[in-house]
C-alpha atoms as a PDB file:
ATOM      1  CA  MET A   1       0.078  -0.149   0.145  1.00  0.00           C
ATOM      2  CA  ALA A   2       1.622   3.301  -0.930  1.00  0.00           C
ATOM      3  CA  ALA A   3       1.401   6.404   1.158  1.00  0.00           C
ATOM      4  CA  MET A   4      -1.668   7.790   2.159  1.00  0.00           C
ATOM      5  CA  ALA A   5      -3.736  10.246   0.724  1.00  0.00           C
ATOM      6  CA  GLY A   6      -2.453  13.837   1.060  1.00  0.00           C
ATOM      7  CA  GLY A   7       0.952  12.794   0.903  1.00  0.00           C
ATOM      8  CA  GLY A   8       0.845  11.078   4.722  1.00  0.00           C
ATOM      9  CA  PRO A   9       3.036   8.545   6.204  1.00  0.00           C
ATOM     10  CA  ARG A  10       2.976   4.778   4.889  1.00  0.00           C
ATOM     11  CA  GLN A  11       0.985   2.525   7.180  1.00  0.00           C
ATOM     12  CA  CYS A  12       1.588  -1.206   7.457  1.00  0.00           C
ATOM     13  CA  ARG A  13      -1.133  -3.536   8.349  1.00  0.00           C
ATOM     14  CA  ARG A  14      -1.377  -7.337   9.414  1.00  0.00           C
ATOM     15  CA  LEU A  15      -2.338  -9.278   6.163  1.00  0.00           C
ATOM     16  CA  GLU A  16      -5.236 -11.831   6.981  1.00  0.00           C
ATOM     17  CA  ALA A  17      -8.668 -12.894   6.240  1.00  0.00           C
ATOM     18  CA  GLU A  18     -10.524 -10.906   3.253  1.00  0.00           C
ATOM     19  CA  ALA A  19      -7.572  -8.673   2.544  1.00  0.00           C
ATOM     20  CA  ALA A  20      -4.993 -11.506   2.599  1.00  0.00           C
ATOM     21  CA  ARG A  21      -7.467 -13.213  -0.139  1.00  0.00           C
ATOM     22  CA  ALA A  22      -7.715  -9.756  -1.996  1.00  0.00           C
ATOM     23  CA  VAL A  23      -4.046  -9.127  -2.295  1.00  0.00           C
ATOM     24  CA  LEU A  24      -2.976 -12.648  -3.049  1.00  0.00           C
ATOM     25  CA  GLY A  25      -5.886 -12.885  -5.865  1.00  0.00           C
ATOM     26  CA  ALA A  26      -4.254  -9.637  -7.473  1.00  0.00           C
ATOM     27  CA  ALA A  27      -0.806 -11.144  -7.746  1.00  0.00           C
ATOM     28  CA  ASP A  28       0.439 -13.234 -10.303  1.00  0.00           C
ATOM     29  CA  THR A  29       4.149 -13.511  -9.376  1.00  0.00           C
ATOM     30  CA  LEU A  30       5.419 -13.451  -5.592  1.00  0.00           C
ATOM     31  CA  LEU A  31       9.656 -13.074  -4.960  1.00  0.00           C
ATOM     32  CA  PHE A  32      10.456 -14.639  -2.025  1.00  0.00           C
ATOM     33  CA  ASP A  33      13.899 -14.087   0.352  1.00  0.00           C
ATOM     34  CA  CYS A  34      14.865 -17.208   1.460  1.00  0.00           C
ATOM     35  CA  ASP A  35      16.686 -17.177   5.004  1.00  0.00           C
ATOM     36  CA  GLY A  36      14.422 -15.868   7.519  1.00  0.00           C
ATOM     37  CA  VAL A  37      11.523 -16.289   5.619  1.00  0.00           C
ATOM     38  CA  LEU A  38      11.217 -19.731   4.173  1.00  0.00           C
ATOM     39  CA  TRP A  39      14.021 -21.318   6.387  1.00  0.00           C
ATOM     40  CA  ARG A  40      16.114 -20.546   9.224  1.00  0.00           C
ATOM     41  CA  GLY A  41      19.531 -22.480   8.607  1.00  0.00           C
ATOM     42  CA  GLU A  42      18.621 -26.066   7.235  1.00  0.00           C
ATOM     43  CA  ALA A  43      15.264 -25.915   9.031  1.00  0.00           C
ATOM     44  CA  ALA A  44      12.167 -24.910   7.056  1.00  0.00           C
ATOM     45  CA  VAL A  45       9.585 -22.156   8.816  1.00  0.00           C
ATOM     46  CA  GLY A  46       6.653 -24.093   9.898  1.00  0.00           C
ATOM     47  CA  GLY A  47       4.113 -24.221   7.442  1.00  0.00           C
ATOM     48  CA  ALA A  48       6.100 -22.612   4.621  1.00  0.00           C
ATOM     49  CA  ALA A  49       6.376 -25.165   2.216  1.00  0.00           C
ATOM     50  CA  ALA A  50       2.701 -26.062   2.404  1.00  0.00           C
ATOM     51  CA  THR A  51       1.993 -22.260   1.978  1.00  0.00           C
ATOM     52  CA  LEU A  52       4.100 -22.374  -1.484  1.00  0.00           C
ATOM     53  CA  GLY A  53       2.540 -25.274  -2.668  1.00  0.00           C
ATOM     54  CA  ARG A  54      -0.750 -23.916  -2.384  1.00  0.00           C
ATOM     55  CA  LEU A  55       0.495 -20.741  -4.013  1.00  0.00           C
ATOM     56  CA  ALA A  56       2.037 -22.819  -6.962  1.00  0.00           C
ATOM     57  CA  ALA A  57      -1.159 -24.742  -6.974  1.00  0.00           C
ATOM     58  CA  ALA A  58      -3.075 -21.287  -7.628  1.00  0.00           C
ATOM     59  CA  GLY A  59      -1.016 -20.794 -10.752  1.00  0.00           C
ATOM     60  CA  LYS A  60       1.109 -18.097  -9.036  1.00  0.00           C
ATOM     61  CA  ARG A  61       4.857 -17.718 -10.421  1.00  0.00           C
ATOM     62  CA  LEU A  62       7.422 -18.183  -7.633  1.00  0.00           C
ATOM     63  CA  CYS A  63      10.766 -16.619  -7.612  1.00  0.00           C
ATOM     64  CA  TYR A  64      13.235 -16.515  -5.141  1.00  0.00           C
ATOM     65  CA  VAL A  65      15.687 -13.464  -4.686  1.00  0.00           C
ATOM     66  CA  THR A  66      18.146 -13.858  -1.972  1.00  0.00           C
ATOM     67  CA  ASN A  67      21.420 -11.999  -1.151  1.00  0.00           C
ATOM     68  CA  ASN A  68      23.202 -15.160   0.067  1.00  0.00           C
ATOM     69  CA  SER A  69      26.297 -15.767  -2.534  1.00  0.00           C
ATOM     70  CA  SER A  70      27.535 -19.097  -1.028  1.00  0.00           C
ATOM     71  CA  ARG A  71      25.019 -20.925  -2.949  1.00  0.00           C
ATOM     72  CA  THR A  72      24.584 -21.522  -6.655  1.00  0.00           C
ATOM     73  CA  ARG A  73      20.990 -21.455  -8.178  1.00  0.00           C
ATOM     74  CA  VAL A  74      21.627 -25.011  -8.665  1.00  0.00           C
ATOM     75  CA  ALA A  75      22.098 -25.570  -4.981  1.00  0.00           C
ATOM     76  CA  TYR A  76      19.099 -23.334  -3.897  1.00  0.00           C
ATOM     77  CA  THR A  77      16.848 -25.784  -6.172  1.00  0.00           C
ATOM     78  CA  GLU A  78      17.906 -28.824  -4.240  1.00  0.00           C
ATOM     79  CA  LYS A  79      17.522 -27.270  -1.123  1.00  0.00           C
ATOM     80  CA  LEU A  80      14.081 -26.021  -1.704  1.00  0.00           C
ATOM     81  CA  ARG A  81      13.401 -29.762  -2.939  1.00  0.00           C
ATOM     82  CA  ARG A  82      14.851 -31.277   0.353  1.00  0.00           C
ATOM     83  CA  LEU A  83      12.756 -28.778   2.421  1.00  0.00           C
ATOM     84  CA  GLY A  84       9.602 -29.801   0.831  1.00  0.00           C
ATOM     85  CA  PHE A  85       9.031 -26.530  -1.061  1.00  0.00           C
ATOM     86  CA  PRO A  86       7.509 -26.843  -4.631  1.00  0.00           C
ATOM     87  CA  PRO A  87      10.014 -27.709  -7.592  1.00  0.00           C
ATOM     88  CA  ALA A  88      12.026 -24.826  -8.783  1.00  0.00           C
ATOM     89  CA  GLU A  89      14.159 -24.330 -12.021  1.00  0.00           C
ATOM     90  CA  PRO A  90      17.154 -22.663 -11.674  1.00  0.00           C
ATOM     91  CA  ARG A  91      15.899 -19.807 -13.663  1.00  0.00           C
ATOM     92  CA  HIS A  92      13.551 -19.234 -10.857  1.00  0.00           C
ATOM     93  CA  ILE A  93      16.656 -18.400  -8.305  1.00  0.00           C
ATOM     94  CA  PHE A  94      18.322 -14.906  -7.966  1.00  0.00           C
ATOM     95  CA  GLY A  95      21.086 -15.206  -5.719  1.00  0.00           C
ATOM     96  CA  SER A  96      23.699 -12.399  -5.886  1.00  0.00           C
ATOM     97  CA  ALA A  97      26.326 -14.818  -6.750  1.00  0.00           C
ATOM     98  CA  PHE A  98      24.374 -15.299 -10.204  1.00  0.00           C
ATOM     99  CA  CYS A  99      23.385 -11.207 -10.563  1.00  0.00           C
ATOM    100  CA  ALA A 100      27.014 -10.684 -10.096  1.00  0.00           C
ATOM    101  CA  ALA A 101      28.072 -12.742 -12.337  1.00  0.00           C
ATOM    102  CA  ARG A 102      25.453 -11.691 -14.717  1.00  0.00           C
ATOM    103  CA  TYR A 103      26.872  -8.211 -14.048  1.00  0.00           C
ATOM    104  CA  LEU A 104      30.282  -8.651 -14.792  1.00  0.00           C
ATOM    105  CA  ARG A 105      29.452 -10.594 -17.945  1.00  0.00           C
ATOM    106  CA  GLN A 106      28.045  -7.411 -19.294  1.00  0.00           C
ATOM    107  CA  ALA A 107      30.187  -4.965 -18.085  1.00  0.00           C
ATOM    108  CA  LEU A 108      33.823  -6.457 -18.381  1.00  0.00           C
ATOM    109  CA  PRO A 109      35.252  -6.426 -21.781  1.00  0.00           C
ATOM    110  CA  PRO A 110      36.111 -10.170 -23.543  1.00  0.00           C
ATOM    111  CA  GLY A 111      38.715 -11.759 -21.778  1.00  0.00           C
ATOM    112  CA  ALA A 112      38.920  -9.925 -18.676  1.00  0.00           C
ATOM    113  CA  ALA A 113      39.221 -11.949 -15.311  1.00  0.00           C
ATOM    114  CA  ALA A 114      37.858 -11.093 -11.628  1.00  0.00           C
ATOM    115  CA  TYR A 115      39.866 -11.001  -8.477  1.00  0.00           C
ATOM    116  CA  VAL A 116      37.403 -12.813  -6.235  1.00  0.00           C
ATOM    117  CA  LEU A 117      36.734 -12.780  -2.584  1.00  0.00           C
ATOM    118  CA  GLY A 118      34.150 -15.001  -2.138  1.00  0.00           C
ATOM    119  CA  SER A 119      32.987 -18.858  -1.969  1.00  0.00           C
ATOM    120  CA  PRO A 120      33.260 -21.788  -4.425  1.00  0.00           C
ATOM    121  CA  ALA A 121      29.557 -20.975  -5.424  1.00  0.00           C
ATOM    122  CA  LEU A 122      30.438 -17.421  -6.309  1.00  0.00           C
ATOM    123  CA  ALA A 123      33.456 -18.942  -8.566  1.00  0.00           C
ATOM    124  CA  ALA A 124      31.046 -21.458 -10.156  1.00  0.00           C
ATOM    125  CA  GLU A 125      28.448 -18.650 -11.346  1.00  0.00           C
ATOM    126  CA  LEU A 126      31.487 -17.044 -12.639  1.00  0.00           C
ATOM    127  CA  GLU A 127      32.410 -20.169 -14.721  1.00  0.00           C
ATOM    128  CA  ALA A 128      28.927 -20.746 -15.859  1.00  0.00           C
ATOM    129  CA  VAL A 129      29.066 -17.401 -17.684  1.00  0.00           C
ATOM    130  CA  GLY A 130      32.948 -17.873 -19.063  1.00  0.00           C
ATOM    131  CA  ILE A 131      34.555 -15.032 -16.694  1.00  0.00           C
ATOM    132  CA  PRO A 132      37.878 -15.877 -15.782  1.00  0.00           C
ATOM    133  CA  HIS A 133      38.664 -15.562 -11.956  1.00  0.00           C
ATOM    134  CA  LEU A 134      41.129 -16.053  -9.127  1.00  0.00           C
ATOM    135  CA  GLY A 135      41.156 -15.620  -5.435  1.00  0.00           C
ATOM    136  CA  PRO A 136      38.726 -18.237  -4.114  1.00  0.00           C
ATOM    137  CA  GLY A 137      40.017 -20.289  -0.854  1.00  0.00           C
ATOM    138  CA  PRO A 138      43.032 -19.525   1.568  1.00  0.00           C
ATOM    139  CA  ALA A 139      45.667 -16.890   1.066  1.00  0.00           C
ATOM    140  CA  ALA A 140      48.802 -16.404   2.901  1.00  0.00           C
ATOM    141  CA  LEU A 141      51.098 -13.256   2.615  1.00  0.00           C
ATOM    142  CA  PRO A 142      53.746 -13.472   0.142  1.00  0.00           C
ATOM    143  CA  GLY A 143      56.560 -12.568   2.741  1.00  0.00           C
ATOM    144  CA  PRO A 144      57.382 -11.407   5.887  1.00  0.00           C
ATOM    145  CA  ALA A 145      57.415  -7.906   5.362  1.00  0.00           C
ATOM    146  CA  PRO A 146      55.316  -4.983   3.614  1.00  0.00           C
ATOM    147  CA  ALA A 147      57.533  -4.539   0.748  1.00  0.00           C
ATOM    148  CA  ASP A 148      56.932  -8.117   0.177  1.00  0.00           C
ATOM    149  CA  TRP A 149      52.965  -7.847   0.252  1.00  0.00           C
ATOM    150  CA  ALA A 150      53.164  -4.947  -2.110  1.00  0.00           C
ATOM    151  CA  GLN A 151      55.113  -6.571  -4.688  1.00  0.00           C
ATOM    152  CA  ALA A 152      53.079 -10.204  -5.071  1.00  0.00           C
ATOM    153  CA  PRO A 153      52.721 -10.599  -8.713  1.00  0.00           C
ATOM    154  CA  LEU A 154      49.047  -9.432 -10.263  1.00  0.00           C
ATOM    155  CA  ASP A 155      47.327 -11.463 -13.097  1.00  0.00           C
ATOM    156  CA  PRO A 156      47.471  -8.758 -15.964  1.00  0.00           C
ATOM    157  CA  ALA A 157      43.939  -9.758 -16.966  1.00  0.00           C
ATOM    158  CA  VAL A 158      41.993  -8.863 -13.679  1.00  0.00           C
ATOM    159  CA  ARG A 159      39.740  -6.319 -14.337  1.00  0.00           C
ATOM    160  CA  ALA A 160      37.302  -6.374 -11.575  1.00  0.00           C
ATOM    161  CA  VAL A 161      37.469  -7.184  -7.823  1.00  0.00           C
ATOM    162  CA  LEU A 162      34.330  -9.063  -6.844  1.00  0.00           C
ATOM    163  CA  VAL A 163      33.529  -9.257  -2.802  1.00  0.00           C
ATOM    164  CA  GLY A 164      31.094 -11.971  -1.551  1.00  0.00           C
ATOM    165  CA  PHE A 165      30.836 -13.966   1.484  1.00  0.00           C
ATOM    166  CA  ASP A 166      34.353 -15.118   2.086  1.00  0.00           C
ATOM    167  CA  GLU A 167      35.136 -17.651   5.041  1.00  0.00           C
ATOM    168  CA  HIS A 168      38.791 -17.363   4.121  1.00  0.00           C
ATOM    169  CA  PHE A 169      38.903 -13.314   3.852  1.00  0.00           C
ATOM    170  CA  SER A 170      42.011 -12.244   5.263  1.00  0.00           C
ATOM    171  CA  TYR A 171      44.729  -9.393   5.298  1.00  0.00           C
ATOM    172  CA  ALA A 172      46.520 -10.970   2.579  1.00  0.00           C
ATOM    173  CA  LYS A 173      43.281 -10.854   0.292  1.00  0.00           C
ATOM    174  CA  LEU A 174      42.446  -7.445   1.396  1.00  0.00           C
ATOM    175  CA  CYS A 175      46.201  -6.417  -0.015  1.00  0.00           C
ATOM    176  CA  GLN A 176      45.607  -8.250  -3.207  1.00  0.00           C
ATOM    177  CA  ALA A 177      42.395  -6.702  -4.002  1.00  0.00           C
ATOM    178  CA  LEU A 178      43.821  -3.103  -3.000  1.00  0.00           C
ATOM    179  CA  ARG A 179      46.726  -3.456  -5.339  1.00  0.00           C
ATOM    180  CA  TYR A 180      44.364  -4.660  -8.277  1.00  0.00           C
ATOM    181  CA  LEU A 181      42.075  -1.759  -7.536  1.00  0.00           C
ATOM    182  CA  LEU A 182      45.037   0.768  -7.274  1.00  0.00           C
ATOM    183  CA  ARG A 183      46.485  -0.592 -10.535  1.00  0.00           C
ATOM    184  CA  GLY A 184      43.445  -0.551 -12.512  1.00  0.00           C
ATOM    185  CA  GLY A 185      41.869   2.736 -11.078  1.00  0.00           C
ATOM    186  CA  SER A 186      38.578   3.546 -12.399  1.00  0.00           C
ATOM    187  CA  ASP A 187      39.206   0.816 -15.078  1.00  0.00           C
ATOM    188  CA  CYS A 188      38.833  -1.867 -12.296  1.00  0.00           C
ATOM    189  CA  LEU A 189      35.420  -2.584 -11.283  1.00  0.00           C
ATOM    190  CA  LEU A 190      34.734  -2.828  -7.531  1.00  0.00           C
ATOM    191  CA  VAL A 191      31.306  -4.944  -7.162  1.00  0.00           C
ATOM    192  CA  GLY A 192      30.141  -6.315  -4.067  1.00  0.00           C
ATOM    193  CA  THR A 193      27.242  -9.214  -3.843  1.00  0.00           C
ATOM    194  CA  ASN A 194      25.520  -7.215  -0.894  1.00  0.00           C
ATOM    195  CA  ARG A 195      25.543  -5.231   2.129  1.00  0.00           C
ATOM    196  CA  ASP A 196      24.157  -7.346   4.741  1.00  0.00           C
ATOM    197  CA  HIS A 197      26.008  -6.672   7.869  1.00  0.00           C
ATOM    198  CA  ARG A 198      25.017  -9.767   9.844  1.00  0.00           C
ATOM    199  CA  LEU A 199      23.757 -13.051   9.212  1.00  0.00           C
ATOM    200  CA  PRO A 200      21.071 -14.559  11.636  1.00  0.00           C
ATOM    201  CA  LEU A 201      21.644 -18.091  12.803  1.00  0.00           C
ATOM    202  CA  GLU A 202      19.327 -20.373  14.948  1.00  0.00           C
ATOM    203  CA  GLY A 203      18.709 -19.773  18.578  1.00  0.00           C
ATOM    204  CA  GLY A 204      19.119 -15.647  18.196  1.00  0.00           C
ATOM    205  CA  THR A 205      22.864 -15.801  17.166  1.00  0.00           C
ATOM    206  CA  GLY A 206      24.546 -14.444  14.119  1.00  0.00           C
ATOM    207  CA  ILE A 207      27.886 -14.126  12.260  1.00  0.00           C
ATOM    208  CA  PRO A 208      29.400 -11.384  10.521  1.00  0.00           C
ATOM    209  CA  GLY A 209      27.964 -10.768   7.041  1.00  0.00           C
ATOM    210  CA  THR A 210      29.303  -9.909   3.669  1.00  0.00           C
ATOM    211  CA  GLY A 211      28.722  -6.125   4.335  1.00  0.00           C
ATOM    212  CA  CYS A 212      31.577  -6.302   6.763  1.00  0.00           C
ATOM    213  CA  LEU A 213      34.129  -7.454   4.122  1.00  0.00           C
ATOM    214  CA  VAL A 214      32.706  -4.987   1.616  1.00  0.00           C
ATOM    215  CA  LYS A 215      33.063  -2.242   3.712  1.00  0.00           C
ATOM    216  CA  ALA A 216      36.714  -3.339   4.382  1.00  0.00           C
ATOM    217  CA  VAL A 217      37.690  -3.301   0.755  1.00  0.00           C
ATOM    218  CA  GLU A 218      35.859   0.110   0.086  1.00  0.00           C
ATOM    219  CA  THR A 219      37.787   1.784   3.117  1.00  0.00           C
ATOM    220  CA  ALA A 220      41.320   0.477   1.981  1.00  0.00           C
ATOM    221  CA  ALA A 221      40.358   1.648  -1.797  1.00  0.00           C
ATOM    222  CA  GLN A 222      38.434   4.722  -0.589  1.00  0.00           C
ATOM    223  CA  ARG A 223      35.798   4.235  -3.260  1.00  0.00           C
ATOM    224  CA  GLU A 224      32.325   2.591  -3.170  1.00  0.00           C
ATOM    225  CA  ALA A 225      31.347  -0.629  -4.563  1.00  0.00           C
ATOM    226  CA  PHE A 226      28.386  -1.378  -6.892  1.00  0.00           C
ATOM    227  CA  ILE A 227      26.412  -3.867  -4.962  1.00  0.00           C
ATOM    228  CA  VAL A 228      24.477  -6.161  -7.181  1.00  0.00           C
ATOM    229  CA  GLY A 229      22.022  -7.572  -4.420  1.00  0.00           C
ATOM    230  CA  LYS A 230      18.935  -6.015  -2.391  1.00  0.00           C
ATOM    231  CA  PRO A 231      17.969  -3.272  -1.961  1.00  0.00           C
ATOM    232  CA  ASN A 232      19.487  -2.424  -5.157  1.00  0.00           C
ATOM    233  CA  ARG A 233      17.097  -2.830  -8.292  1.00  0.00           C
ATOM    234  CA  TYR A 234      19.593  -4.512 -10.458  1.00  0.00           C
ATOM    235  CA  MET A 235      18.159  -7.753  -8.716  1.00  0.00           C
ATOM    236  CA  PHE A 236      14.992  -7.022  -9.486  1.00  0.00           C
ATOM    237  CA  ASP A 237      15.911  -6.124 -12.973  1.00  0.00           C
ATOM    238  CA  CYS A 238      17.388  -9.449 -13.168  1.00  0.00           C
ATOM    239  CA  VAL A 239      14.252 -11.198 -12.521  1.00  0.00           C
ATOM    240  CA  VAL A 240      12.400  -8.680 -15.174  1.00  0.00           C
ATOM    241  CA  SER A 241      15.104 -10.006 -17.753  1.00  0.00           C
ATOM    242  CA  GLU A 242      14.048 -13.562 -17.053  1.00  0.00           C
ATOM    243  CA  PHE A 243      10.162 -13.193 -16.964  1.00  0.00           C
ATOM    244  CA  ASN A 244       7.769 -10.669 -17.890  1.00  0.00           C
ATOM    245  CA  ILE A 245       6.837  -9.160 -14.450  1.00  0.00           C
ATOM    246  CA  ASP A 246       4.344  -6.669 -13.852  1.00  0.00           C
ATOM    247  CA  PRO A 247       5.406  -4.798 -10.652  1.00  0.00           C
ATOM    248  CA  ALA A 248       1.831  -3.789  -9.939  1.00  0.00           C
ATOM    249  CA  ARG A 249       0.882  -7.578  -9.973  1.00  0.00           C
ATOM    250  CA  THR A 250       3.845  -8.611  -7.863  1.00  0.00           C
ATOM    251  CA  ILE A 251       4.565  -9.058  -4.131  1.00  0.00           C
ATOM    252  CA  MET A 252       8.147  -8.919  -2.464  1.00  0.00           C
ATOM    253  CA  VAL A 253       8.250 -11.223   0.638  1.00  0.00           C
ATOM    254  CA  GLY A 254      11.027 -10.638   3.009  1.00  0.00           C
ATOM    255  CA  ASP A 255      12.014 -10.343   6.648  1.00  0.00           C
ATOM    256  CA  ARG A 256      14.553  -7.155   6.387  1.00  0.00           C
ATOM    257  CA  LEU A 257      13.324  -3.544   6.048  1.00  0.00           C
ATOM    258  CA  ASP A 258      16.788  -2.470   4.518  1.00  0.00           C
ATOM    259  CA  THR A 259      17.066  -4.943   1.743  1.00  0.00           C
ATOM    260  CA  ASP A 260      13.781  -6.730   1.096  1.00  0.00           C
ATOM    261  CA  ILE A 261      11.401  -4.033   1.857  1.00  0.00           C
ATOM    262  CA  LEU A 262      13.213  -1.352   0.285  1.00  0.00           C
ATOM    263  CA  MET A 263      13.900  -2.992  -2.923  1.00  0.00           C
ATOM    264  CA  GLY A 264      10.310  -3.868  -3.275  1.00  0.00           C
ATOM    265  CA  ASN A 265       8.915  -0.330  -2.128  1.00  0.00           C
ATOM    266  CA  SER A 266      11.515   1.193  -4.561  1.00  0.00           C
ATOM    267  CA  CYS A 267      10.500  -1.268  -7.830  1.00  0.00           C
ATOM    268  CA  GLY A 268       6.921  -0.410  -7.064  1.00  0.00           C
ATOM    269  CA  LEU A 269       6.047  -3.960  -5.703  1.00  0.00           C
ATOM    270  CA  THR A 270       3.498  -4.705  -3.012  1.00  0.00           C
ATOM    271  CA  THR A 271       5.888  -5.559  -0.027  1.00  0.00           C
ATOM    272  CA  LEU A 272       4.894  -8.059   2.910  1.00  0.00           C
ATOM    273  CA  LEU A 273       7.318  -8.656   5.880  1.00  0.00           C
ATOM    274  CA  THR A 274       7.470 -11.740   7.786  1.00  0.00           C
ATOM    275  CA  LEU A 275       8.301 -11.629  11.587  1.00  0.00           C
ATOM    276  CA  THR A 276      10.473 -14.953  11.286  1.00  0.00           C
ATOM    277  CA  GLY A 277      13.905 -13.293  10.542  1.00  0.00           C
ATOM    278  CA  VAL A 278      15.527 -10.207  11.926  1.00  0.00           C
ATOM    279  CA  THR A 279      12.990  -7.468  11.930  1.00  0.00           C
ATOM    280  CA  THR A 280      10.524  -6.679  14.875  1.00  0.00           C
ATOM    281  CA  LEU A 281       6.975  -5.200  14.754  1.00  0.00           C
ATOM    282  CA  ASP A 282       8.465  -2.391  17.028  1.00  0.00           C
ATOM    283  CA  GLU A 283      11.245  -1.408  14.309  1.00  0.00           C
ATOM    284  CA  VAL A 284       8.423  -1.383  11.691  1.00  0.00           C
ATOM    285  CA  LYS A 285       6.417   1.207  14.141  1.00  0.00           C
ATOM    286  CA  GLY A 286       9.428   3.403  14.638  1.00  0.00           C
ATOM    287  CA  HIS A 287      10.097   3.880  10.778  1.00  0.00           C
ATOM    288  CA  GLN A 288       6.323   4.197  10.265  1.00  0.00           C
ATOM    289  CA  GLU A 289       5.988   7.076  13.044  1.00  0.00           C
ATOM    290  CA  SER A 290       9.075   8.891  11.415  1.00  0.00           C
ATOM    291  CA  ASP A 291       8.651  12.030   9.089  1.00  0.00           C
ATOM    292  CA  CYS A 292      12.080  10.913   7.542  1.00  0.00           C
ATOM    293  CA  PRO A 293      11.219   9.893   3.885  1.00  0.00           C
ATOM    294  CA  ALA A 294      13.973   7.557   3.899  1.00  0.00           C
ATOM    295  CA  ARG A 295      13.001   5.936   7.176  1.00  0.00           C
ATOM    296  CA  GLN A 296       9.337   5.708   5.547  1.00  0.00           C
ATOM    297  CA  SER A 297      10.851   3.902   2.721  1.00  0.00           C
ATOM    298  CA  LEU A 298      11.310   0.992   4.960  1.00  0.00           C
ATOM    299  CA  VAL A 299       7.869   0.357   5.772  1.00  0.00           C
ATOM    300  CA  PRO A 300       6.103  -2.678   4.698  1.00  0.00           C
ATOM    301  CA  ASP A 301       2.755  -2.524   3.057  1.00  0.00           C
ATOM    302  CA  TYR A 302       1.695  -5.637   5.011  1.00  0.00           C
ATOM    303  CA  TYR A 303       3.327  -8.023   7.662  1.00  0.00           C
ATOM    304  CA  VAL A 304       2.527 -11.526   8.852  1.00  0.00           C
ATOM    305  CA  ASP A 305       4.010 -13.264  11.953  1.00  0.00           C
ATOM    306  CA  SER A 306       4.870 -16.154   9.563  1.00  0.00           C
ATOM    307  CA  ILE A 307       4.162 -17.074   5.758  1.00  0.00           C
ATOM    308  CA  ALA A 308       2.200 -19.611   7.061  1.00  0.00           C
ATOM    309  CA  ASP A 309      -0.383 -17.238   8.114  1.00  0.00           C
ATOM    310  CA  LEU A 310      -1.363 -17.133   4.479  1.00  0.00           C
ATOM    311  CA  LEU A 311      -2.492 -20.740   4.341  1.00  0.00           C
ATOM    312  CA  PRO A 312      -6.439 -19.810   5.466  1.00  0.00           C
ATOM    313  CA  ALA A 313      -6.801 -17.227   2.345  1.00  0.00           C
ATOM    314  CA  LEU A 314      -5.408 -19.910  -0.131  1.00  0.00           C
ATOM    315  CA  GLY A 315      -8.256 -22.353   1.009  1.00  0.00           C
ATOM    316  CA  ASP A 316      -8.069 -26.457   0.867  1.00  0.00           C
END
């Protein structure tokens, strides 16, 4: 739901009963974030698989948009199947690893390579579109002194530094990324998969997210990365390039205000927040009561406690 008549603040309402039937009935496509919406870690959110099964049976197009760069499109289809969700094809999955590879395929000249701070999944998505790369895996400093670190060999083909989730992130990799960026200047692209600063885990714990690694490279290079993941509309553009999407008939379902909901609102989608992830209703109310336009842009149209709350509106 857009801003109230007269330019008032956005209002977020619980989606239930007749309103849920009307909103779902008017949509032909639903975009789902995954972590915190459909599952937490390796456990599906209760009732989520049944809800998506009903949506699929009703003829809705289901797509998955995730900032997680540690899985390939194929790996996501396998996880959906394993957790009992409706079958999905890789073309229905829009992860930040795939979107980053797509972006670099368009932005780099033929034969150019990428220096990657990221996972094997990110490397696999680059390979799938024919982009040479180096960097994944552990790295050690090339000598005992800073002069050694600054003289390590550089691949002449590298024209981009790509930063995703990297469990082997290190000072050695940060040094090498900076040297590629300094050597290439503005001709060397700096791309990040997302800015998520923390990844929630079961039991209320969390680990540092990719945004922390992107910020480290940006700080060293004194330049800003292009981010392919949410809330950047580039991820939505990737979906539009694959499917005939009408924003007015599309629902973005997510658990993060500053990624899922902000992208949905920016792209003209109906936005639905689930409270099974990182966001609380108090946070929504805080933004809703603010006069700041930037905070208003984080307010979803609707919320549910869990995606399973939609089951009654979908019938038997």
